[in-house]
Amino acid sequence: MTQVMEMFCKRVKELRVENGITQKQLAEKLHTTNSAVCDWEKGRSQPDLQMLANIAKLFDVSVDYLLGLSDN
């Protein structure tokens, strides 16, 4: 797993937990499956570009932050 992917996994889970939502609730908000969210957090898969943008928008962070390219 690449460093960028590791950071994405970590940050998605951190943001989800900080916002007090379950994987299932996040999946519902993003119109995807619970297993997709679980797979992202475990590094078994990665979202497509549109989903990456949707995740960033939902948590009000940049895509760069999600990917570990920025700490802001």
PDB file of N, CA and C in Angstrom:
ATOM      1  N   MET A   1       0.851  -1.174   0.000  1.00  0.00           N
ATOM      2  CA  MET A   1       0.000   0.000   0.000  1.00  0.00           C
ATOM      3  C   MET A   1       0.901   1.242   0.000  1.00  0.00           C
ATOM      4  N   THR A   2       0.548   2.210  -0.829  1.00  0.00           N
ATOM      5  CA  THR A   2       1.344   3.426  -0.915  1.00  0.00           C
ATOM      6  C   THR A   2       1.112   4.314   0.308  1.00  0.00           C
ATOM      7  N   GLN A   3       2.016   5.239   0.521  1.00  0.00           N
ATOM      8  CA  GLN A   3       1.905   6.166   1.641  1.00  0.00           C
ATOM      9  C   GLN A   3       0.642   7.027   1.507  1.00  0.00           C
ATOM     10  N   VAL A   4       0.332   7.430   0.282  1.00  0.00           N
ATOM     11  CA  VAL A   4      -0.868   8.240   0.047  1.00  0.00           C
ATOM     12  C   VAL A   4      -2.116   7.442   0.423  1.00  0.00           C
ATOM     13  N   MET A   5      -2.165   6.176   0.016  1.00  0.00           N
ATOM     14  CA  MET A   5      -3.323   5.344   0.334  1.00  0.00           C
ATOM     15  C   MET A   5      -3.430   5.116   1.844  1.00  0.00           C
ATOM     16  N   GLU A   6      -2.301   4.894   2.496  1.00  0.00           N
ATOM     17  CA  GLU A   6      -2.318   4.717   3.952  1.00  0.00           C
ATOM     18  C   GLU A   6      -2.881   5.954   4.637  1.00  0.00           C
ATOM     19  N   MET A   7      -2.475   7.126   4.178  1.00  0.00           N
ATOM     20  CA  MET A   7      -2.967   8.366   4.776  1.00  0.00           C
ATOM     21  C   MET A   7      -4.454   8.536   4.513  1.00  0.00           C
ATOM     22  N   PHE A   8      -4.895   8.203   3.305  1.00  0.00           N
ATOM     23  CA  PHE A   8      -6.327   8.295   3.002  1.00  0.00           C
ATOM     24  C   PHE A   8      -7.130   7.409   3.950  1.00  0.00           C
ATOM     25  N   CYS A   9      -6.703   6.177   4.137  1.00  0.00           N
ATOM     26  CA  CYS A   9      -7.406   5.244   5.029  1.00  0.00           C
ATOM     27  C   CYS A   9      -7.514   5.824   6.430  1.00  0.00           C
ATOM     28  N   LYS A  10      -6.400   6.318   6.921  1.00  0.00           N
ATOM     29  CA  LYS A  10      -6.340   6.883   8.270  1.00  0.00           C
ATOM     30  C   LYS A  10      -7.249   8.102   8.405  1.00  0.00           C
ATOM     31  N   ARG A  11      -7.176   8.999   7.439  1.00  0.00           N
ATOM     32  CA  ARG A  11      -7.930  10.252   7.554  1.00  0.00           C
ATOM     33  C   ARG A  11      -9.431  10.049   7.392  1.00  0.00           C
ATOM     34  N   VAL A  12      -9.839   9.160   6.513  1.00  0.00           N
ATOM     35  CA  VAL A  12     -11.282   8.902   6.377  1.00  0.00           C
ATOM     36  C   VAL A  12     -11.836   8.363   7.693  1.00  0.00           C
ATOM     37  N   LYS A  13     -11.142   7.425   8.276  1.00  0.00           N
ATOM     38  CA  LYS A  13     -11.618   6.856   9.544  1.00  0.00           C
ATOM     39  C   LYS A  13     -11.615   7.907  10.646  1.00  0.00           C
ATOM     40  N   GLU A  14     -10.548   8.691  10.747  1.00  0.00           N
ATOM     41  CA  GLU A  14     -10.477   9.742  11.769  1.00  0.00           C
ATOM     42  C   GLU A  14     -11.625  10.733  11.619  1.00  0.00           C
ATOM     43  N   LEU A  15     -11.880  11.181  10.406  1.00  0.00           N
ATOM     44  CA  LEU A  15     -12.954  12.139  10.172  1.00  0.00           C
ATOM     45  C   LEU A  15     -14.318  11.538  10.507  1.00  0.00           C
ATOM     46  N   ARG A  16     -14.500  10.295  10.142  1.00  0.00           N
ATOM     47  CA  ARG A  16     -15.771   9.626  10.429  1.00  0.00           C
ATOM     48  C   ARG A  16     -15.993   9.543  11.934  1.00  0.00           C
ATOM     49  N   VAL A  17     -14.979   9.099  12.665  1.00  0.00           N
ATOM     50  CA  VAL A  17     -15.084   8.945  14.120  1.00  0.00           C
ATOM     51  C   VAL A  17     -15.264  10.310  14.796  1.00  0.00           C
ATOM     52  N   GLU A  18     -14.476  11.299  14.374  1.00  0.00           N
ATOM     53  CA  GLU A  18     -14.583  12.655  14.938  1.00  0.00           C
ATOM     54  C   GLU A  18     -15.989  13.224  14.762  1.00  0.00           C
ATOM     55  N   ASN A  19     -16.639  12.858  13.668  1.00  0.00           N
ATOM     56  CA  ASN A  19     -17.989  13.354  13.391  1.00  0.00           C
ATOM     57  C   ASN A  19     -19.074  12.457  13.980  1.00  0.00           C
ATOM     58  N   GLY A  20     -18.654  11.415  14.679  1.00  0.00           N
ATOM     59  CA  GLY A  20     -19.596  10.554  15.384  1.00  0.00           C
ATOM     60  C   GLY A  20     -20.539   9.779  14.489  1.00  0.00           C
ATOM     61  N   ILE A  21     -20.052   9.348  13.338  1.00  0.00           N
ATOM     62  CA  ILE A  21     -20.918   8.567  12.455  1.00  0.00           C
ATOM     63  C   ILE A  21     -20.312   7.184  12.204  1.00  0.00           C
ATOM     64  N   THR A  22     -21.174   6.254  11.985  1.00  0.00           N
ATOM     65  CA  THR A  22     -20.752   4.877  11.718  1.00  0.00           C
ATOM     66  C   THR A  22     -20.393   4.721  10.244  1.00  0.00           C
ATOM     67  N   GLN A  23     -19.783   3.592   9.927  1.00  0.00           N
ATOM     68  CA  GLN A  23     -19.496   3.304   8.521  1.00  0.00           C
ATOM     69  C   GLN A  23     -20.795   3.260   7.723  1.00  0.00           C
ATOM     70  N   LYS A  24     -21.810   2.680   8.304  1.00  0.00           N
ATOM     71  CA  LYS A  24     -23.095   2.579   7.614  1.00  0.00           C
ATOM     72  C   LYS A  24     -23.681   3.964   7.345  1.00  0.00           C
ATOM     73  N   GLN A  25     -23.611   4.846   8.330  1.00  0.00           N
ATOM     74  CA  GLN A  25     -24.136   6.200   8.148  1.00  0.00           C
ATOM     75  C   GLN A  25     -23.343   6.959   7.087  1.00  0.00           C
ATOM     76  N   LEU A  26     -22.021   6.788   7.080  1.00  0.00           N
ATOM     77  CA  LEU A  26     -21.201   7.444   6.063  1.00  0.00           C
ATOM     78  C   LEU A  26     -21.575   6.915   4.680  1.00  0.00           C
ATOM     79  N   ALA A  27     -21.744   5.617   4.585  1.00  0.00           N
ATOM     80  CA  ALA A  27     -22.132   5.011   3.308  1.00  0.00           C
ATOM     81  C   ALA A  27     -23.457   5.592   2.813  1.00  0.00           C
ATOM     82  N   GLU A  28     -24.408   5.749   3.723  1.00  0.00           N
ATOM     83  CA  GLU A  28     -25.708   6.308   3.343  1.00  0.00           C
ATOM     84  C   GLU A  28     -25.565   7.742   2.850  1.00  0.00           C
ATOM     85  N   LYS A  29     -24.760   8.539   3.538  1.00  0.00           N
ATOM     86  CA  LYS A  29     -24.564   9.933   3.137  1.00  0.00           C
ATOM     87  C   LYS A  29     -23.903  10.040   1.768  1.00  0.00           C
ATOM     88  N   LEU A  30     -23.049   9.061   1.449  1.00  0.00           N
ATOM     89  CA  LEU A  30     -22.318   9.084   0.181  1.00  0.00           C
ATOM     90  C   LEU A  30     -22.997   8.244  -0.907  1.00  0.00           C
ATOM     91  N   HIS A  31     -24.141   7.649  -0.566  1.00  0.00           N
ATOM     92  CA  HIS A  31     -24.883   6.807  -1.509  1.00  0.00           C
ATOM     93  C   HIS A  31     -24.020   5.666  -2.043  1.00  0.00           C
ATOM     94  N   THR A  32     -23.367   4.981  -1.099  1.00  0.00           N
ATOM     95  CA  THR A  32     -22.560   3.817  -1.435  1.00  0.00           C
ATOM     96  C   THR A  32     -22.845   2.731  -0.406  1.00  0.00           C
ATOM     97  N   THR A  33     -22.070   1.689  -0.411  1.00  0.00           N
ATOM     98  CA  THR A  33     -22.310   0.571   0.498  1.00  0.00           C
ATOM     99  C   THR A  33     -21.421   0.648   1.736  1.00  0.00           C
ATOM    100  N   ASN A  34     -21.882   0.017   2.780  1.00  0.00           N
ATOM    101  CA  ASN A  34     -21.112  -0.088   4.013  1.00  0.00           C
ATOM    102  C   ASN A  34     -19.786  -0.804   3.740  1.00  0.00           C
ATOM    103  N   SER A  35     -19.834  -1.829   2.911  1.00  0.00           N
ATOM    104  CA  SER A  35     -18.604  -2.579   2.616  1.00  0.00           C
ATOM    105  C   SER A  35     -17.593  -1.710   1.866  1.00  0.00           C
ATOM    106  N   ALA A  36     -18.057  -0.773   1.039  1.00  0.00           N
ATOM    107  CA  ALA A  36     -17.136   0.126   0.341  1.00  0.00           C
ATOM    108  C   ALA A  36     -16.388   0.994   1.346  1.00  0.00           C
ATOM    109  N   VAL A  37     -17.097   1.540   2.308  1.00  0.00           N
ATOM    110  CA  VAL A  37     -16.470   2.374   3.340  1.00  0.00           C
ATOM    111  C   VAL A  37     -15.478   1.543   4.150  1.00  0.00           C
ATOM    112  N   CYS A  38     -15.882   0.357   4.537  1.00  0.00           N
ATOM    113  CA  CYS A  38     -14.994  -0.543   5.280  1.00  0.00           C
ATOM    114  C   CYS A  38     -13.732  -0.834   4.471  1.00  0.00           C
ATOM    115  N   ASP A  39     -13.890  -1.107   3.202  1.00  0.00           N
ATOM    116  CA  ASP A  39     -12.742  -1.405   2.334  1.00  0.00           C
ATOM    117  C   ASP A  39     -11.811  -0.198   2.203  1.00  0.00           C
ATOM    118  N   TRP A  40     -12.368   1.015   2.130  1.00  0.00           N
ATOM    119  CA  TRP A  40     -11.522   2.209   2.068  1.00  0.00           C
ATOM    120  C   TRP A  40     -10.688   2.334   3.339  1.00  0.00           C
ATOM    121  N   GLU A  41     -11.347   2.148   4.479  1.00  0.00           N
ATOM    122  CA  GLU A  41     -10.660   2.314   5.757  1.00  0.00           C
ATOM    123  C   GLU A  41      -9.591   1.252   5.984  1.00  0.00           C
ATOM    124  N   LYS A  42      -9.759   0.098   5.399  1.00  0.00           N
ATOM    125  CA  LYS A  42      -8.788  -0.985   5.551  1.00  0.00           C
ATOM    126  C   LYS A  42      -7.770  -1.039   4.409  1.00  0.00           C
ATOM    127  N   GLY A  43      -7.931  -0.157   3.426  1.00  0.00           N
ATOM    128  CA  GLY A  43      -6.991  -0.092   2.318  1.00  0.00           C
ATOM    129  C   GLY A  43      -7.161  -1.184   1.283  1.00  0.00           C
ATOM    130  N   ARG A  44      -8.314  -1.827   1.274  1.00  0.00           N
ATOM    131  CA  ARG A  44      -8.564  -2.889   0.298  1.00  0.00           C
ATOM    132  C   ARG A  44      -9.041  -2.343  -1.036  1.00  0.00           C
ATOM    133  N   SER A  45      -9.554  -1.121  -1.018  1.00  0.00           N
ATOM    134  CA  SER A  45      -9.976  -0.466  -2.260  1.00  0.00           C
ATOM    135  C   SER A  45      -9.882   1.037  -2.054  1.00  0.00           C
ATOM    136  N   GLN A  46     -10.083   1.754  -3.144  1.00  0.00           N
ATOM    137  CA  GLN A  46     -10.048   3.205  -3.067  1.00  0.00           C
ATOM    138  C   GLN A  46     -11.208   3.783  -3.866  1.00  0.00           C
ATOM    139  N   PRO A  47     -11.691   4.936  -3.446  1.00  0.00           N
ATOM    140  CA  PRO A  47     -12.819   5.540  -4.156  1.00  0.00           C
ATOM    141  C   PRO A  47     -12.378   6.122  -5.501  1.00  0.00           C
ATOM    142  N   ASP A  48     -13.329   6.262  -6.409  1.00  0.00           N
ATOM    143  CA  ASP A  48     -13.024   6.935  -7.666  1.00  0.00           C
ATOM    144  C   ASP A  48     -12.927   8.445  -7.400  1.00  0.00           C
ATOM    145  N   LEU A  49     -12.551   9.195  -8.410  1.00  0.00           N
ATOM    146  CA  LEU A  49     -12.327  10.630  -8.223  1.00  0.00           C
ATOM    147  C   LEU A  49     -13.576  11.378  -7.773  1.00  0.00           C
ATOM    148  N   GLN A  50     -14.716  11.035  -8.318  1.00  0.00           N
ATOM    149  CA  GLN A  50     -15.952  11.715  -7.924  1.00  0.00           C
ATOM    150  C   GLN A  50     -16.269  11.433  -6.454  1.00  0.00           C
ATOM    151  N   MET A  51     -16.095  10.187  -6.030  1.00  0.00           N
ATOM    152  CA  MET A  51     -16.364   9.841  -4.636  1.00  0.00           C
ATOM    153  C   MET A  51     -15.363  10.531  -3.716  1.00  0.00           C
ATOM    154  N   LEU A  52     -14.108  10.617  -4.134  1.00  0.00           N
ATOM    155  CA  LEU A  52     -13.096  11.312  -3.347  1.00  0.00           C
ATOM    156  C   LEU A  52     -13.518  12.770  -3.128  1.00  0.00           C
ATOM    157  N   ALA A  53     -13.997  13.407  -4.173  1.00  0.00           N
ATOM    158  CA  ALA A  53     -14.492  14.782  -4.063  1.00  0.00           C
ATOM    159  C   ALA A  53     -15.696  14.855  -3.136  1.00  0.00           C
ATOM    160  N   ASN A  54     -16.589  13.875  -3.213  1.00  0.00           N
ATOM    161  CA  ASN A  54     -17.770  13.847  -2.351  1.00  0.00           C
ATOM    162  C   ASN A  54     -17.380  13.694  -0.881  1.00  0.00           C
ATOM    163  N   ILE A  55     -16.396  12.864  -0.601  1.00  0.00           N
ATOM    164  CA  ILE A  55     -15.924  12.665   0.777  1.00  0.00           C
ATOM    165  C   ILE A  55     -15.345  13.975   1.311  1.00  0.00           C
ATOM    166  N   ALA A  56     -14.513  14.625   0.499  1.00  0.00           N
ATOM    167  CA  ALA A  56     -13.915  15.896   0.915  1.00  0.00           C
ATOM    168  C   ALA A  56     -14.991  16.938   1.202  1.00  0.00           C
ATOM    169  N   LYS A  57     -15.974  17.021   0.334  1.00  0.00           N
ATOM    170  CA  LYS A  57     -17.058  17.991   0.516  1.00  0.00           C
ATOM    171  C   LYS A  57     -17.870  17.679   1.773  1.00  0.00           C
ATOM    172  N   LEU A  58     -18.179  16.430   1.990  1.00  0.00           N
ATOM    173  CA  LEU A  58     -18.970  16.031   3.155  1.00  0.00           C
ATOM    174  C   LEU A  58     -18.287  16.436   4.458  1.00  0.00           C
ATOM    175  N   PHE A  59     -16.972  16.222   4.535  1.00  0.00           N
ATOM    176  CA  PHE A  59     -16.237  16.527   5.759  1.00  0.00           C
ATOM    177  C   PHE A  59     -15.636  17.934   5.760  1.00  0.00           C
ATOM    178  N   ASP A  60     -15.880  18.701   4.694  1.00  0.00           N
ATOM    179  CA  ASP A  60     -15.386  20.070   4.572  1.00  0.00           C
ATOM    180  C   ASP A  60     -13.867  20.134   4.710  1.00  0.00           C
ATOM    181  N   VAL A  61     -13.204  19.246   3.977  1.00  0.00           N
ATOM    182  CA  VAL A  61     -11.740  19.227   3.903  1.00  0.00           C
ATOM    183  C   VAL A  61     -11.347  19.184   2.434  1.00  0.00           C
ATOM    184  N   SER A  62     -10.076  19.401   2.167  1.00  0.00           N
ATOM    185  CA  SER A  62      -9.613  19.320   0.787  1.00  0.00           C
ATOM    186  C   SER A  62      -9.255  17.879   0.427  1.00  0.00           C
ATOM    187  N   VAL A  63      -9.242  17.610  -0.849  1.00  0.00           N
ATOM    188  CA  VAL A  63      -8.778  16.302  -1.324  1.00  0.00           C
ATOM    189  C   VAL A  63      -7.308  16.133  -0.937  1.00  0.00           C
ATOM    190  N   ASP A  64      -6.540  17.211  -1.006  1.00  0.00           N
ATOM    191  CA  ASP A  64      -5.138  17.148  -0.592  1.00  0.00           C
ATOM    192  C   ASP A  64      -5.024  16.678   0.863  1.00  0.00           C
ATOM    193  N   TYR A  65      -5.913  17.159   1.726  1.00  0.00           N
ATOM    194  CA  TYR A  65      -5.889  16.722   3.130  1.00  0.00           C
ATOM    195  C   TYR A  65      -6.179  15.222   3.220  1.00  0.00           C
ATOM    196  N   LEU A  66      -7.196  14.765   2.507  1.00  0.00           N
ATOM    197  CA  LEU A  66      -7.544  13.346   2.551  1.00  0.00           C
ATOM    198  C   LEU A  66      -6.395  12.463   2.107  1.00  0.00           C
ATOM    199  N   LEU A  67      -5.621  12.955   1.143  1.00  0.00           N
ATOM    200  CA  LEU A  67      -4.525  12.172   0.597  1.00  0.00           C
ATOM    201  C   LEU A  67      -3.204  12.365   1.334  1.00  0.00           C
ATOM    202  N   GLY A  68      -3.215  13.221   2.356  1.00  0.00           N
ATOM    203  CA  GLY A  68      -2.007  13.453   3.129  1.00  0.00           C
ATOM    204  C   GLY A  68      -1.028  14.399   2.477  1.00  0.00           C
ATOM    205  N   LEU A  69      -1.482  15.152   1.489  1.00  0.00           N
ATOM    206  CA  LEU A  69      -0.611  16.097   0.802  1.00  0.00           C
ATOM    207  C   LEU A  69      -0.623  17.458   1.474  1.00  0.00           C
ATOM    208  N   SER A  70      -1.534  17.630   2.441  1.00  0.00           N
ATOM    209  CA  SER A  70      -1.666  18.873   3.206  1.00  0.00           C
ATOM    210  C   SER A  70      -2.174  18.511   4.594  1.00  0.00           C
ATOM    211  N   ASP A  71      -1.806  19.307   5.566  1.00  0.00           N
ATOM    212  CA  ASP A  71      -2.317  19.091   6.921  1.00  0.00           C
ATOM    213  C   ASP A  71      -3.421  20.076   7.271  1.00  0.00           C
ATOM    214  N   ASN A  72      -3.866  20.854   6.292  1.00  0.00           N
ATOM    215  CA  ASN A  72      -4.926  21.851   6.520  1.00  0.00           C
ATOM    216  C   ASN A  72      -6.268  21.330   6.063  1.00  0.00           C
TER     217      ASN A  72
END
